[in-house]
């Protein structure tokens, strides 16, 4: 029995999903760090992936590629039934990926646009730790303007909008 954490934009939908999953033998937990797998419902934008292996319930089919690029372990189309949701959650909880092979191959074959330079990784890692631009500049011996330029490129390459989203990305080995 997998432990599942839910994140839905509408509380009534989250509560309905919780009941349905419990009826099918899954345990729904209130905090992501208590779970083996997360189930996130997309709105019009794909939200950042939680800090646990997670599936994304797509709002529309065009979000699938972005879900994988954002770090989700899989996705589900809007028209897939509850039994498929349960199978997908159990698969991701076991460490598997729940996605179309064609799309996974496309995402893996085109990583160059998402790759960060070593300096971008350093700047992003320090920003993810909560350092200010000034502190990063001092630490790396570069100007604040250069830090801002690196962070701008990092945000663009990773598809993030806020510094807080960097905390979910592993930059250094």
N, C-alpha and C. Protein backbone atom coordinates (compact mmCIF):
# COMPACT_ATOMS: atom_id res chain seq x y z
N UNK A 1 0.85 -1.18 0.00
CA UNK A 1 0.00 0.00 0.00
C UNK A 1 0.89 1.24 0.00
N UNK A 2 0.74 2.05 -1.00
CA UNK A 2 1.55 3.26 -1.14
C UNK A 2 0.97 4.40 -0.30
N UNK A 3 1.87 5.23 0.23
CA UNK A 3 1.46 6.43 0.95
C UNK A 3 1.51 7.59 -0.03
N UNK A 4 0.38 8.29 -0.17
CA UNK A 4 0.22 9.32 -1.20
C UNK A 4 -0.06 10.67 -0.56
N UNK A 5 0.60 11.69 -1.09
CA UNK A 5 0.32 13.08 -0.71
C UNK A 5 -0.36 13.76 -1.89
N UNK A 6 -1.42 14.52 -1.62
CA UNK A 6 -2.19 15.17 -2.67
C UNK A 6 -2.02 16.68 -2.63
N UNK A 7 -1.96 17.30 -3.81
CA UNK A 7 -1.94 18.76 -3.92
C UNK A 7 -2.83 19.14 -5.11
N UNK A 8 -4.02 19.63 -4.77
CA UNK A 8 -4.99 20.04 -5.79
C UNK A 8 -5.34 21.50 -5.59
N UNK A 9 -5.60 22.24 -6.67
CA UNK A 9 -5.94 23.66 -6.52
C UNK A 9 -7.33 23.88 -5.90
N UNK A 10 -8.20 22.86 -5.97
CA UNK A 10 -9.55 22.98 -5.42
C UNK A 10 -9.71 21.94 -4.32
N UNK A 11 -10.01 22.39 -3.11
CA UNK A 11 -10.09 21.50 -1.95
C UNK A 11 -11.13 20.40 -2.13
N UNK A 12 -12.28 20.71 -2.71
CA UNK A 12 -13.32 19.71 -2.90
C UNK A 12 -12.84 18.56 -3.79
N UNK A 13 -12.08 18.88 -4.83
CA UNK A 13 -11.53 17.83 -5.71
C UNK A 13 -10.49 17.00 -4.97
N UNK A 14 -9.68 17.64 -4.15
CA UNK A 14 -8.67 16.92 -3.37
C UNK A 14 -9.35 15.96 -2.40
N UNK A 15 -10.39 16.43 -1.74
CA UNK A 15 -11.10 15.57 -0.79
C UNK A 15 -11.76 14.39 -1.49
N UNK A 16 -12.32 14.62 -2.67
CA UNK A 16 -12.94 13.53 -3.43
C UNK A 16 -11.89 12.50 -3.86
N UNK A 17 -10.73 12.97 -4.30
CA UNK A 17 -9.65 12.06 -4.70
C UNK A 17 -9.15 11.28 -3.49
N UNK A 18 -9.05 11.93 -2.34
CA UNK A 18 -8.61 11.25 -1.13
C UNK A 18 -9.54 10.09 -0.79
N UNK A 19 -10.83 10.32 -0.85
CA UNK A 19 -11.81 9.27 -0.55
C UNK A 19 -11.67 8.12 -1.55
N UNK A 20 -11.56 8.47 -2.84
CA UNK A 20 -11.45 7.44 -3.88
C UNK A 20 -10.19 6.61 -3.73
N UNK A 21 -9.08 7.24 -3.41
CA UNK A 21 -7.83 6.50 -3.24
C UNK A 21 -7.87 5.61 -2.01
N UNK A 22 -8.45 6.10 -0.93
CA UNK A 22 -8.57 5.29 0.29
C UNK A 22 -9.44 4.05 0.04
N UNK A 23 -10.51 4.22 -0.75
CA UNK A 23 -11.38 3.09 -1.08
C UNK A 23 -10.64 2.02 -1.88
N UNK A 24 -9.56 2.41 -2.55
CA UNK A 24 -8.79 1.48 -3.36
C UNK A 24 -7.52 1.02 -2.64
N UNK A 25 -7.43 1.25 -1.34
CA UNK A 25 -6.35 0.69 -0.54
C UNK A 25 -5.10 1.54 -0.40
N UNK A 26 -5.11 2.76 -0.89
CA UNK A 26 -3.95 3.64 -0.72
C UNK A 26 -4.12 4.48 0.54
N UNK A 27 -3.01 4.84 1.15
CA UNK A 27 -3.04 5.68 2.34
C UNK A 27 -2.71 7.11 1.92
N UNK A 28 -3.57 8.06 2.26
CA UNK A 28 -3.34 9.46 1.94
C UNK A 28 -2.81 10.14 3.20
N UNK A 29 -1.65 10.82 3.06
CA UNK A 29 -0.99 11.47 4.20
C UNK A 29 -1.02 12.98 4.02
N UNK A 30 -0.97 13.73 5.13
CA UNK A 30 -1.12 15.19 5.04
C UNK A 30 0.13 15.97 4.65
N UNK A 31 1.31 15.35 4.71
CA UNK A 31 2.55 16.08 4.45
C UNK A 31 3.39 15.32 3.44
N UNK A 32 4.04 16.01 2.49
CA UNK A 32 4.79 15.30 1.46
C UNK A 32 5.93 14.42 1.98
N UNK A 33 6.55 14.80 3.09
CA UNK A 33 7.66 14.02 3.59
C UNK A 33 7.23 12.74 4.29
N UNK A 34 5.92 12.55 4.46
CA UNK A 34 5.39 11.30 4.99
C UNK A 34 5.02 10.34 3.87
N UNK A 35 5.07 10.81 2.63
CA UNK A 35 4.57 10.05 1.49
C UNK A 35 5.68 9.38 0.70
N UNK A 36 5.30 8.35 -0.04
CA UNK A 36 6.19 7.70 -1.00
C UNK A 36 6.05 8.36 -2.38
N UNK A 37 4.88 8.93 -2.63
CA UNK A 37 4.57 9.48 -3.94
C UNK A 37 3.57 10.63 -3.79
N UNK A 38 3.69 11.61 -4.68
CA UNK A 38 2.76 12.73 -4.67
C UNK A 38 1.88 12.70 -5.91
N UNK A 39 0.70 13.26 -5.78
CA UNK A 39 -0.23 13.43 -6.90
C UNK A 39 -0.63 14.89 -6.92
N UNK A 40 -0.21 15.59 -7.96
CA UNK A 40 -0.44 17.03 -8.08
C UNK A 40 -1.35 17.28 -9.26
N UNK A 41 -2.35 18.11 -9.07
CA UNK A 41 -3.24 18.48 -10.17
C UNK A 41 -2.78 19.80 -10.76
N UNK A 42 -2.59 19.81 -12.07
CA UNK A 42 -2.14 21.03 -12.75
C UNK A 42 -3.32 21.98 -12.94
N UNK A 43 -3.00 23.24 -12.91
CA UNK A 43 -3.96 24.26 -13.31
C UNK A 43 -3.54 24.64 -14.73
N UNK A 44 -3.60 25.88 -15.09
CA UNK A 44 -3.19 26.27 -16.44
C UNK A 44 -1.68 26.26 -16.61
N UNK A 45 -0.93 26.31 -15.51
CA UNK A 45 0.53 26.20 -15.56
C UNK A 45 0.94 24.94 -14.82
N UNK A 46 2.04 24.36 -15.25
CA UNK A 46 2.57 23.18 -14.56
C UNK A 46 3.32 23.68 -13.33
N UNK A 47 2.87 23.29 -12.13
CA UNK A 47 3.56 23.74 -10.92
C UNK A 47 4.90 23.04 -10.74
N UNK A 48 5.79 23.63 -9.95
CA UNK A 48 7.07 22.95 -9.67
C UNK A 48 6.82 21.59 -9.04
N UNK A 49 7.68 20.66 -9.34
CA UNK A 49 7.56 19.31 -8.80
C UNK A 49 7.85 19.33 -7.30
N UNK A 50 7.04 18.63 -6.50
CA UNK A 50 7.31 18.54 -5.06
C UNK A 50 8.63 17.81 -4.79
N UNK A 51 9.09 17.83 -3.54
CA UNK A 51 10.38 17.20 -3.21
C UNK A 51 10.33 15.68 -3.10
N UNK A 52 9.25 15.07 -3.55
CA UNK A 52 9.12 13.61 -3.55
C UNK A 52 8.75 13.17 -4.97
N UNK A 53 8.96 11.90 -5.32
CA UNK A 53 8.53 11.43 -6.64
C UNK A 53 7.04 11.70 -6.81
N UNK A 54 6.66 12.32 -7.92
CA UNK A 54 5.28 12.75 -8.07
C UNK A 54 4.76 12.57 -9.49
N UNK A 55 3.45 12.42 -9.56
CA UNK A 55 2.71 12.38 -10.81
C UNK A 55 1.94 13.68 -10.96
N UNK A 56 1.75 14.12 -12.19
CA UNK A 56 0.97 15.32 -12.46
C UNK A 56 -0.29 14.94 -13.20
N UNK A 57 -1.44 15.37 -12.67
CA UNK A 57 -2.70 15.25 -13.40
C UNK A 57 -2.79 16.45 -14.32
N UNK A 58 -2.71 16.21 -15.61
CA UNK A 58 -2.64 17.30 -16.58
C UNK A 58 -3.99 17.99 -16.74
N UNK A 59 -3.94 19.30 -16.95
CA UNK A 59 -5.14 20.05 -17.31
C UNK A 59 -5.45 19.81 -18.78
N UNK A 60 -4.38 19.81 -19.60
CA UNK A 60 -4.54 19.42 -21.00
C UNK A 60 -3.29 18.66 -21.45
N UNK A 61 -3.42 17.97 -22.57
CA UNK A 61 -2.36 17.06 -23.03
C UNK A 61 -1.06 17.76 -23.39
N UNK A 62 -1.10 19.03 -23.68
CA UNK A 62 0.11 19.77 -24.07
C UNK A 62 1.07 19.98 -22.89
N UNK A 63 0.65 19.69 -21.68
CA UNK A 63 1.50 19.89 -20.50
C UNK A 63 2.41 18.71 -20.21
N UNK A 64 2.29 17.61 -20.93
CA UNK A 64 3.04 16.38 -20.62
C UNK A 64 4.55 16.60 -20.69
N UNK A 65 5.04 17.19 -21.77
CA UNK A 65 6.48 17.41 -21.94
C UNK A 65 7.02 18.30 -20.82
N UNK A 66 6.29 19.37 -20.52
CA UNK A 66 6.73 20.29 -19.47
C UNK A 66 6.76 19.60 -18.12
N UNK A 67 5.82 18.70 -17.87
CA UNK A 67 5.80 17.97 -16.60
C UNK A 67 7.09 17.18 -16.40
N UNK A 68 7.53 16.49 -17.44
CA UNK A 68 8.78 15.71 -17.34
C UNK A 68 9.98 16.62 -17.17
N UNK A 69 9.99 17.73 -17.89
CA UNK A 69 11.11 18.67 -17.77
C UNK A 69 11.15 19.33 -16.40
N UNK A 70 10.00 19.43 -15.75
CA UNK A 70 9.94 20.04 -14.43
C UNK A 70 10.28 19.06 -13.31
N UNK A 71 10.51 17.79 -13.65
CA UNK A 71 10.94 16.84 -12.64
C UNK A 71 9.89 15.86 -12.16
N UNK A 72 8.71 15.87 -12.76
CA UNK A 72 7.70 14.87 -12.39
C UNK A 72 8.12 13.51 -12.92
N UNK A 73 7.78 12.45 -12.19
CA UNK A 73 8.11 11.09 -12.59
C UNK A 73 7.08 10.52 -13.56
N UNK A 74 6.05 11.29 -13.81
CA UNK A 74 5.03 10.83 -14.74
C UNK A 74 3.87 11.79 -14.77
N UNK A 75 2.91 11.46 -15.60
CA UNK A 75 1.74 12.31 -15.76
C UNK A 75 0.56 11.45 -16.16
N UNK A 76 -0.61 12.00 -15.98
CA UNK A 76 -1.85 11.33 -16.36
C UNK A 76 -2.69 12.29 -17.16
N UNK A 77 -3.27 11.78 -18.23
CA UNK A 77 -4.15 12.62 -19.05
C UNK A 77 -5.50 12.80 -18.37
N UNK A 78 -6.20 13.88 -18.69
CA UNK A 78 -7.47 14.18 -18.01
C UNK A 78 -8.54 13.09 -18.16
N UNK A 79 -8.49 12.34 -19.25
CA UNK A 79 -9.55 11.35 -19.50
C UNK A 79 -9.24 9.95 -18.98
N UNK A 80 -8.13 9.78 -18.27
CA UNK A 80 -7.79 8.46 -17.74
C UNK A 80 -8.55 8.21 -16.44
N UNK A 81 -8.96 6.98 -16.25
CA UNK A 81 -9.79 6.64 -15.11
C UNK A 81 -9.01 6.46 -13.81
N UNK A 82 -9.76 6.26 -12.74
CA UNK A 82 -9.19 6.14 -11.41
C UNK A 82 -8.31 4.90 -11.26
N UNK A 83 -8.67 3.82 -11.94
CA UNK A 83 -7.83 2.61 -11.85
C UNK A 83 -6.44 2.86 -12.43
N UNK A 84 -6.37 3.67 -13.47
CA UNK A 84 -5.07 4.02 -14.06
C UNK A 84 -4.29 4.91 -13.09
N UNK A 85 -4.98 5.82 -12.41
CA UNK A 85 -4.33 6.68 -11.42
C UNK A 85 -3.70 5.83 -10.33
N UNK A 86 -4.41 4.84 -9.85
CA UNK A 86 -3.90 3.96 -8.79
C UNK A 86 -2.68 3.18 -9.29
N UNK A 87 -2.75 2.62 -10.50
CA UNK A 87 -1.61 1.88 -11.06
C UNK A 87 -0.40 2.80 -11.22
N UNK A 88 -0.64 4.01 -11.68
CA UNK A 88 0.47 4.96 -11.88
C UNK A 88 1.10 5.34 -10.55
N UNK A 89 0.30 5.60 -9.54
CA UNK A 89 0.83 5.95 -8.22
C UNK A 89 1.68 4.82 -7.65
N UNK A 90 1.20 3.59 -7.77
CA UNK A 90 1.94 2.45 -7.27
C UNK A 90 3.25 2.27 -8.03
N UNK A 91 3.22 2.49 -9.35
CA UNK A 91 4.44 2.37 -10.16
C UNK A 91 5.48 3.41 -9.77
N UNK A 92 5.06 4.66 -9.62
CA UNK A 92 5.99 5.72 -9.26
C UNK A 92 6.51 5.50 -7.83
N UNK A 93 5.69 4.99 -6.95
CA UNK A 93 6.14 4.68 -5.58
C UNK A 93 7.23 3.61 -5.59
N UNK A 94 7.21 2.72 -6.60
CA UNK A 94 8.24 1.68 -6.75
C UNK A 94 9.48 2.19 -7.46
N UNK A 95 9.47 3.46 -7.87
CA UNK A 95 10.63 4.03 -8.55
C UNK A 95 10.54 4.05 -10.06
N UNK A 96 9.40 3.70 -10.61
CA UNK A 96 9.23 3.67 -12.05
C UNK A 96 8.79 5.04 -12.57
N UNK A 97 8.81 5.18 -13.88
CA UNK A 97 8.33 6.39 -14.56
C UNK A 97 7.03 6.04 -15.25
N UNK A 98 6.04 6.92 -15.17
CA UNK A 98 4.75 6.69 -15.81
C UNK A 98 4.55 7.75 -16.89
N UNK A 99 5.05 7.44 -18.08
CA UNK A 99 4.96 8.38 -19.20
C UNK A 99 5.12 7.61 -20.50
N UNK A 100 4.72 8.24 -21.59
CA UNK A 100 4.87 7.62 -22.89
C UNK A 100 6.35 7.54 -23.25
N UNK A 101 6.78 6.41 -23.75
CA UNK A 101 8.20 6.23 -24.10
C UNK A 101 8.67 7.26 -25.10
N UNK A 102 7.84 7.58 -26.07
CA UNK A 102 8.21 8.55 -27.10
C UNK A 102 8.55 9.89 -26.48
N UNK A 103 7.74 10.32 -25.54
CA UNK A 103 7.96 11.62 -24.91
C UNK A 103 9.18 11.61 -23.99
N UNK A 104 9.37 10.53 -23.27
CA UNK A 104 10.56 10.40 -22.41
C UNK A 104 11.82 10.46 -23.28
N UNK A 105 11.81 9.77 -24.40
CA UNK A 105 12.96 9.78 -25.31
C UNK A 105 13.23 11.19 -25.83
N UNK A 106 12.18 11.91 -26.19
CA UNK A 106 12.35 13.29 -26.68
C UNK A 106 12.99 14.18 -25.62
N UNK A 107 12.52 14.07 -24.41
CA UNK A 107 13.04 14.90 -23.32
C UNK A 107 14.50 14.55 -23.03
N UNK A 108 14.82 13.26 -23.04
CA UNK A 108 16.20 12.83 -22.77
C UNK A 108 17.16 13.16 -23.91
N UNK A 109 16.66 13.14 -25.14
CA UNK A 109 17.52 13.41 -26.29
C UNK A 109 17.84 14.88 -26.46
N UNK A 110 17.05 15.77 -25.88
CA UNK A 110 17.26 17.20 -26.09
C UNK A 110 17.56 17.92 -24.77
N UNK A 111 18.58 17.46 -24.02
CA UNK A 111 18.87 18.12 -22.75
C UNK A 111 19.75 19.35 -22.89
N UNK A 112 20.33 19.59 -24.08
CA UNK A 112 21.31 20.66 -24.21
C UNK A 112 20.74 22.03 -23.88
N UNK A 113 19.49 22.26 -24.23
CA UNK A 113 18.91 23.58 -23.92
C UNK A 113 18.68 23.74 -22.42
N UNK A 114 18.67 22.64 -21.69
CA UNK A 114 18.42 22.70 -20.25
C UNK A 114 19.71 22.64 -19.43
N UNK A 115 20.83 22.35 -20.05
CA UNK A 115 22.08 22.22 -19.32
C UNK A 115 22.58 23.56 -18.82
N UNK A 116 23.10 23.53 -17.62
CA UNK A 116 23.68 24.73 -17.03
C UNK A 116 25.20 24.65 -17.11
N UNK A 117 25.83 25.80 -17.25
CA UNK A 117 27.29 25.85 -17.20
C UNK A 117 27.73 25.61 -15.76
N UNK A 118 28.98 25.26 -15.54
CA UNK A 118 29.45 25.08 -14.16
C UNK A 118 29.22 26.33 -13.30
N UNK A 119 29.44 27.51 -13.85
CA UNK A 119 29.25 28.75 -13.08
C UNK A 119 27.77 28.96 -12.78
N UNK A 120 26.90 28.68 -13.74
CA UNK A 120 25.45 28.81 -13.51
C UNK A 120 25.01 27.86 -12.39
N UNK A 121 25.58 26.66 -12.38
CA UNK A 121 25.25 25.70 -11.32
C UNK A 121 25.68 26.23 -9.96
N UNK A 122 26.88 26.82 -9.89
CA UNK A 122 27.37 27.37 -8.62
C UNK A 122 26.45 28.49 -8.13
N UNK A 123 26.13 29.42 -9.02
CA UNK A 123 25.28 30.55 -8.65
C UNK A 123 23.90 30.05 -8.22
N UNK A 124 23.34 29.12 -8.99
CA UNK A 124 22.01 28.60 -8.68
C UNK A 124 21.99 27.84 -7.35
N UNK A 125 23.04 27.06 -7.10
CA UNK A 125 23.11 26.30 -5.84
C UNK A 125 23.16 27.25 -4.64
N UNK A 126 23.94 28.32 -4.76
CA UNK A 126 24.02 29.29 -3.66
C UNK A 126 22.70 30.03 -3.48
N UNK A 127 22.05 30.36 -4.58
CA UNK A 127 20.74 31.02 -4.50
C UNK A 127 19.72 30.08 -3.86
N UNK A 128 19.80 28.79 -4.20
CA UNK A 128 18.88 27.81 -3.62
C UNK A 128 19.09 27.67 -2.12
N UNK A 129 20.30 27.94 -1.66
CA UNK A 129 20.58 27.89 -0.22
C UNK A 129 20.09 29.13 0.51
N UNK A 130 19.63 30.13 -0.26
CA UNK A 130 19.07 31.33 0.36
C UNK A 130 20.00 32.52 0.39
N UNK A 131 21.17 32.43 -0.24
CA UNK A 131 22.08 33.58 -0.25
C UNK A 131 21.53 34.68 -1.16
N UNK A 132 21.78 35.92 -0.78
CA UNK A 132 21.37 37.06 -1.59
C UNK A 132 22.32 37.20 -2.78
N UNK A 133 21.95 38.02 -3.74
CA UNK A 133 22.82 38.26 -4.89
C UNK A 133 24.17 38.83 -4.44
N UNK A 134 24.13 39.71 -3.47
CA UNK A 134 25.35 40.31 -2.95
C UNK A 134 26.25 39.26 -2.30
N UNK A 135 25.65 38.37 -1.52
CA UNK A 135 26.42 37.32 -0.86
C UNK A 135 27.02 36.34 -1.88
N UNK A 136 26.25 36.02 -2.91
CA UNK A 136 26.75 35.13 -3.96
C UNK A 136 27.93 35.78 -4.67
N UNK A 137 27.79 37.06 -5.00
CA UNK A 137 28.86 37.79 -5.69
C UNK A 137 30.14 37.76 -4.86
N UNK A 138 30.01 38.02 -3.58
CA UNK A 138 31.19 38.03 -2.70
C UNK A 138 31.82 36.63 -2.61
N UNK A 139 30.97 35.63 -2.46
CA UNK A 139 31.45 34.25 -2.34
C UNK A 139 32.22 33.80 -3.58
N UNK A 140 31.73 34.18 -4.77
CA UNK A 140 32.34 33.72 -6.01
C UNK A 140 33.32 34.71 -6.63
N UNK A 141 33.43 35.90 -6.03
CA UNK A 141 34.35 36.90 -6.55
C UNK A 141 33.92 37.48 -7.89
N UNK A 142 32.61 37.66 -8.06
CA UNK A 142 32.06 38.24 -9.29
C UNK A 142 31.16 39.41 -8.91
N UNK A 143 30.72 40.16 -9.89
CA UNK A 143 29.87 41.31 -9.60
C UNK A 143 28.41 40.87 -9.39
N UNK A 144 27.65 41.73 -8.73
CA UNK A 144 26.23 41.47 -8.52
C UNK A 144 25.52 41.40 -9.87
N UNK A 145 25.93 42.23 -10.79
CA UNK A 145 25.33 42.25 -12.13
C UNK A 145 25.55 40.89 -12.82
N UNK A 146 26.72 40.31 -12.64
CA UNK A 146 27.01 39.00 -13.23
C UNK A 146 26.16 37.92 -12.57
N UNK A 147 25.97 38.01 -11.26
CA UNK A 147 25.10 37.05 -10.55
C UNK A 147 23.69 37.12 -11.13
N UNK A 148 23.18 38.34 -11.30
CA UNK A 148 21.83 38.50 -11.86
C UNK A 148 21.73 37.93 -13.27
N UNK A 149 22.77 38.12 -14.06
CA UNK A 149 22.77 37.58 -15.43
C UNK A 149 22.74 36.05 -15.40
N UNK A 150 23.56 35.45 -14.53
CA UNK A 150 23.57 33.99 -14.41
C UNK A 150 22.21 33.47 -13.95
N UNK A 151 21.63 34.10 -12.94
CA UNK A 151 20.34 33.65 -12.43
C UNK A 151 19.25 33.79 -13.49
N UNK A 152 19.30 34.84 -14.27
CA UNK A 152 18.33 35.02 -15.34
C UNK A 152 18.39 33.85 -16.33
N UNK A 153 19.60 33.45 -16.70
CA UNK A 153 19.76 32.31 -17.61
C UNK A 153 19.33 31.00 -16.96
N UNK A 154 19.63 30.83 -15.68
CA UNK A 154 19.23 29.63 -14.96
C UNK A 154 17.70 29.53 -14.94
N UNK A 155 17.03 30.62 -14.60
CA UNK A 155 15.57 30.62 -14.55
C UNK A 155 15.00 30.24 -15.91
N UNK A 156 15.58 30.81 -16.95
CA UNK A 156 15.10 30.54 -18.31
C UNK A 156 15.32 29.08 -18.69
N UNK A 157 16.50 28.54 -18.45
CA UNK A 157 16.81 27.17 -18.82
C UNK A 157 16.00 26.14 -18.04
N UNK A 158 15.74 26.43 -16.76
CA UNK A 158 15.02 25.47 -15.93
C UNK A 158 13.52 25.70 -15.92
N UNK A 159 13.08 26.81 -16.49
CA UNK A 159 11.65 27.10 -16.52
C UNK A 159 11.07 27.45 -15.17
N UNK A 160 11.86 28.09 -14.31
CA UNK A 160 11.37 28.51 -13.00
C UNK A 160 11.18 30.02 -12.99
N UNK A 161 10.36 30.47 -12.05
CA UNK A 161 10.05 31.90 -11.96
C UNK A 161 10.52 32.53 -10.66
N UNK A 162 10.75 31.69 -9.62
CA UNK A 162 11.12 32.22 -8.31
C UNK A 162 12.33 31.48 -7.77
N UNK A 163 13.10 32.20 -6.95
CA UNK A 163 14.29 31.59 -6.33
C UNK A 163 13.92 30.37 -5.49
N UNK A 164 12.76 30.43 -4.85
CA UNK A 164 12.35 29.32 -3.99
C UNK A 164 12.22 28.01 -4.77
N UNK A 165 11.92 28.09 -6.06
CA UNK A 165 11.80 26.89 -6.88
C UNK A 165 13.16 26.23 -7.12
N UNK A 166 14.23 26.99 -6.99
CA UNK A 166 15.57 26.43 -7.17
C UNK A 166 15.91 25.42 -6.07
N UNK A 167 15.27 25.55 -4.93
CA UNK A 167 15.56 24.65 -3.80
C UNK A 167 15.22 23.20 -4.13
N UNK A 168 14.37 22.98 -5.13
CA UNK A 168 13.96 21.62 -5.49
C UNK A 168 14.89 20.97 -6.52
N UNK A 169 15.87 21.71 -6.99
CA UNK A 169 16.76 21.21 -8.04
C UNK A 169 18.13 20.89 -7.44
N UNK A 170 18.68 19.77 -7.83
CA UNK A 170 20.02 19.41 -7.36
C UNK A 170 21.04 19.89 -8.39
N UNK A 171 21.91 20.82 -8.00
CA UNK A 171 22.83 21.43 -8.93
C UNK A 171 24.21 20.84 -8.91
N UNK A 172 24.66 20.42 -7.75
CA UNK A 172 26.02 19.94 -7.61
C UNK A 172 26.01 18.47 -7.24
N UNK A 173 26.98 17.68 -7.72
CA UNK A 173 27.00 16.24 -7.40
C UNK A 173 27.26 15.98 -5.94
